[in-house]
Amino acid sequence: MKHTPTTIHTADGSQVTIRRRGIEFDLETRNARGETISTVVMDSADMVRLMEEMRRAA
């Protein structure tokens, strides 16, 4: 099954892209100039916790 990356564009022009990589996820942040600021690798359990925290914060 092919997984399509999801990109969220922020108010300041930055981007957060989430890609599934097998059983893990890559989260890549880019600034408004398109430069990669960070890449984080998370397992599925960490991704679920992150999503839950984001819902609580919203």
N, C-alpha and C. Protein backbone atom coordinates (compact mmCIF):
# COMPACT_ATOMS: atom_id res chain seq x y z
N MET A 1 0.84 -1.18 0.00
CA MET A 1 0.00 0.00 0.00
C MET A 1 0.89 1.24 0.00
N LYS A 2 0.63 2.16 -0.91
CA LYS A 2 1.39 3.40 -1.00
C LYS A 2 0.78 4.44 -0.07
N HIS A 3 1.63 5.12 0.66
CA HIS A 3 1.18 6.17 1.58
C HIS A 3 1.63 7.51 1.04
N THR A 4 0.70 8.44 0.96
CA THR A 4 0.99 9.77 0.46
C THR A 4 1.40 10.67 1.62
N PRO A 5 2.49 11.40 1.50
CA PRO A 5 2.89 12.33 2.56
C PRO A 5 1.82 13.40 2.79
N THR A 6 1.73 13.87 4.01
CA THR A 6 0.81 14.95 4.37
C THR A 6 1.64 16.16 4.75
N THR A 7 1.36 17.31 4.14
CA THR A 7 2.09 18.53 4.46
C THR A 7 1.13 19.56 5.03
N ILE A 8 1.52 20.14 6.15
CA ILE A 8 0.75 21.20 6.80
C ILE A 8 1.53 22.49 6.61
N HIS A 9 0.87 23.51 6.09
CA HIS A 9 1.49 24.82 5.89
C HIS A 9 1.09 25.72 7.05
N THR A 10 2.07 26.36 7.66
CA THR A 10 1.79 27.20 8.82
C THR A 10 1.63 28.66 8.42
N ALA A 11 1.16 29.47 9.37
CA ALA A 11 0.89 30.88 9.11
C ALA A 11 2.14 31.66 8.70
N ASP A 12 3.31 31.23 9.17
CA ASP A 12 4.54 31.97 8.85
C ASP A 12 5.24 31.44 7.59
N GLY A 13 4.57 30.53 6.88
CA GLY A 13 5.14 30.00 5.64
C GLY A 13 5.98 28.75 5.81
N SER A 14 6.10 28.27 7.03
CA SER A 14 6.82 27.02 7.28
C SER A 14 5.95 25.84 6.89
N GLN A 15 6.56 24.66 6.88
CA GLN A 15 5.83 23.43 6.53
C GLN A 15 6.25 22.30 7.46
N VAL A 16 5.30 21.43 7.76
CA VAL A 16 5.58 20.19 8.46
C VAL A 16 5.06 19.07 7.57
N THR A 17 5.93 18.15 7.18
CA THR A 17 5.53 17.04 6.33
C THR A 17 5.67 15.74 7.11
N ILE A 18 4.62 14.93 7.04
CA ILE A 18 4.61 13.63 7.71
C ILE A 18 4.58 12.55 6.64
N ARG A 19 5.55 11.62 6.72
CA ARG A 19 5.63 10.52 5.76
C ARG A 19 5.69 9.21 6.53
N ARG A 20 4.88 8.25 6.10
CA ARG A 20 4.99 6.90 6.66
C ARG A 20 6.18 6.23 6.01
N ARG A 21 6.97 5.55 6.84
CA ARG A 21 8.16 4.85 6.37
C ARG A 21 8.12 3.45 6.98
N GLY A 22 7.38 2.55 6.33
CA GLY A 22 7.20 1.22 6.90
C GLY A 22 6.38 1.30 8.16
N ILE A 23 6.98 0.90 9.29
CA ILE A 23 6.26 0.97 10.57
C ILE A 23 6.58 2.26 11.33
N GLU A 24 7.39 3.12 10.74
CA GLU A 24 7.78 4.38 11.36
C GLU A 24 7.25 5.56 10.56
N PHE A 25 7.37 6.75 11.15
CA PHE A 25 6.98 7.99 10.51
C PHE A 25 8.15 8.96 10.52
N ASP A 26 8.32 9.71 9.44
CA ASP A 26 9.27 10.82 9.39
C ASP A 26 8.47 12.11 9.49
N LEU A 27 8.86 13.01 10.37
CA LEU A 27 8.31 14.36 10.45
C LEU A 27 9.42 15.31 10.05
N GLU A 28 9.20 16.05 8.98
CA GLU A 28 10.20 16.99 8.49
C GLU A 28 9.64 18.40 8.60
N THR A 29 10.41 19.30 9.20
CA THR A 29 10.00 20.71 9.26
C THR A 29 10.90 21.53 8.34
N ARG A 30 10.27 22.45 7.63
CA ARG A 30 10.99 23.35 6.72
C ARG A 30 10.58 24.78 7.05
N ASN A 31 11.53 25.68 6.93
CA ASN A 31 11.21 27.09 7.15
C ASN A 31 10.57 27.67 5.88
N ALA A 32 10.24 28.94 5.93
CA ALA A 32 9.55 29.59 4.80
C ALA A 32 10.40 29.61 3.53
N ARG A 33 11.72 29.49 3.66
CA ARG A 33 12.61 29.45 2.48
C ARG A 33 12.73 28.05 1.91
N GLY A 34 12.09 27.06 2.57
CA GLY A 34 12.13 25.69 2.08
C GLY A 34 13.30 24.88 2.60
N GLU A 35 14.06 25.45 3.53
CA GLU A 35 15.21 24.75 4.10
C GLU A 35 14.74 23.79 5.20
N THR A 36 15.25 22.57 5.17
CA THR A 36 14.90 21.61 6.22
C THR A 36 15.52 22.05 7.53
N ILE A 37 14.69 22.17 8.54
CA ILE A 37 15.13 22.57 9.87
C ILE A 37 15.39 21.33 10.74
N SER A 38 14.48 20.36 10.64
CA SER A 38 14.67 19.13 11.41
C SER A 38 13.91 17.98 10.77
N THR A 39 14.38 16.79 11.08
CA THR A 39 13.69 15.56 10.70
C THR A 39 13.66 14.68 11.93
N VAL A 40 12.47 14.18 12.27
CA VAL A 40 12.30 13.33 13.44
C VAL A 40 11.70 12.02 12.98
N VAL A 41 12.24 10.91 13.46
CA VAL A 41 11.69 9.59 13.16
C VAL A 41 10.93 9.12 14.40
N MET A 42 9.67 8.70 14.20
CA MET A 42 8.83 8.26 15.31
C MET A 42 8.22 6.91 14.97
N ASP A 43 8.01 6.08 16.00
CA ASP A 43 7.27 4.85 15.77
C ASP A 43 5.77 5.16 15.87
N SER A 44 4.95 4.18 15.58
CA SER A 44 3.49 4.39 15.55
C SER A 44 2.95 4.85 16.90
N ALA A 45 3.44 4.28 17.99
CA ALA A 45 2.95 4.67 19.31
C ALA A 45 3.27 6.13 19.61
N ASP A 46 4.47 6.59 19.25
CA ASP A 46 4.82 7.99 19.45
C ASP A 46 3.96 8.90 18.59
N MET A 47 3.66 8.47 17.37
CA MET A 47 2.81 9.28 16.48
C MET A 47 1.41 9.42 17.05
N VAL A 48 0.86 8.33 17.58
CA VAL A 48 -0.46 8.39 18.20
C VAL A 48 -0.46 9.37 19.37
N ARG A 49 0.58 9.30 20.22
CA ARG A 49 0.68 10.23 21.36
C ARG A 49 0.79 11.68 20.89
N LEU A 50 1.58 11.91 19.85
CA LEU A 50 1.72 13.27 19.31
C LEU A 50 0.37 13.79 18.82
N MET A 51 -0.36 12.97 18.08
CA MET A 51 -1.66 13.40 17.56
C MET A 51 -2.64 13.69 18.70
N GLU A 52 -2.63 12.87 19.74
CA GLU A 52 -3.50 13.11 20.90
C GLU A 52 -3.15 14.44 21.57
N GLU A 53 -1.88 14.70 21.74
CA GLU A 53 -1.46 15.97 22.35
C GLU A 53 -1.83 17.17 21.49
N MET A 54 -1.73 17.02 20.18
CA MET A 54 -2.10 18.11 19.27
C MET A 54 -3.60 18.39 19.38
N ARG A 55 -4.42 17.35 19.48
CA ARG A 55 -5.87 17.56 19.63
C ARG A 55 -6.17 18.29 20.94
N ARG A 56 -5.48 17.91 22.02
CA ARG A 56 -5.70 18.58 23.31
C ARG A 56 -5.29 20.03 23.26
N ALA A 57 -4.23 20.33 22.54
CA ALA A 57 -3.71 21.69 22.47
C ALA A 57 -4.57 22.60 21.59
N ALA A 58 -5.30 22.02 20.66
CA ALA A 58 -6.09 22.82 19.70
C ALA A 58 -7.33 23.42 20.33
